[in-house]
Structures are given as structure tokens and as C-alpha cells.
């Protein structure tokens, strides 16, 4: 099945499942439809047409995201602190302009995240295990377990400082509230009143999770 949009045909994958309704998602510039086993093709096509505006918006966003990440994945640029630099910066700092050098560059910078986390913990009275684990998670910027062990995705180093701070404080609040219920958000809001704006800005950069895969 195909959907014609922006003057071209986009592949539509249909997955038949034991479910009651049709779910549509867009990923990697492909449209995936999860549909009940007995729903006909005409019904699926109608559902796609009804969500055309949303689907086209998702395809456009993913295309724009790809324009940003392509120079990173091709090792023509490097992103640090929300700023794009030519890959030549790596050589100037003693790293090779390839994936090995890029990861070494971020590993060197990772210590600064641990230092900043300790600074914020001391400032706001949080206690964590003291050791910050390097993470290459596919969907999470950070995590905190019951023992207070915090892991941070190395891609946090790519973010502007205000978004990196949001992630660090978010994980520190989890040392007290290991959930996302009202007490958690109240505690975070007391320390970072504009957390909602930062959270939204972070969602707009989720495409960075696909860099260097």
C-alpha cells in the first residue's frame, strides 16, 4: 500500500494485530499502520486519509531532522553544547575525524556532566551514588534507579546548556521521587519554574537519539 504525498508515493506497511482500533505511526520516513485482523483495506485507506495532515506533518518533521543529522552521521560536523562545529575541530583537539574520534571526544566531555551533576546535587541537597554511568540508550536521555545510580546518554553533551541542565535536575529529582506523578513535577517545578518549556524544547530534539547509530 502507498500514500501519495508531497508529489511522491510513500510506502505504507500494514501490521495485522489483535486490537480494536487502527493505529498509525510514522518512523524512518515510512508509514506503519497497526490494524485489527478483520479490518478491510478500504477502511485502512480511509483512516490514512483522515490523518493525512498529521502524517504529512510527521514526514516533513522527519525530513527536516534528517537534514540536521546527516552532516553529523557523515562526520562532516560535530555538535557540542547546541553548537555545530566543522569536523576539523576534532583533529585540532587530537581526535580522528571518524566515529572512534567522535566518541572519544564525547567521552572526554562526559566528565563535565558528572561534575555538573555533583554541583547541582550539592546546591539542591540531593544525594546520588556519586558515579555517573555513560549511556547510549535509544530513547532515554537519562535514568535513575532506586539505589540513586544515575546514567546519562552521552548525547546530552550535544544539547544547549539549559536543556542539559533540565535533564540533570530531572534525574536528581528522581532520587527522591522515582516516578512521574504530581509530586515529582511539583518538586522539579520548585527548582526549575520553566521546566515545561525546556521539556518541550527537548522533545523537539529527540532526533538526536538517531545520531551515530
Foldseek 3Di string as FASTA:
>chain_A
DWDQDPNDTAAEAEAEDCDDAWDWDADPSHIYIYGHNPDDPVVVVVVCVVCVVVSVVVNVLVVVLCVVQVCLQVLQWAAFQQDIDGSVVLVVVPFDSHLVSNVVVLVVVVVVLLVVLVVVCVVVVFDAPSDEAEDLDLQDQKEADQRRHIYGHSCLRRHNPVLNVLNSVLSRLCNVVVDPDDVSVVVSCVVPVVSVVSVVVVVSNSSSSPHPD
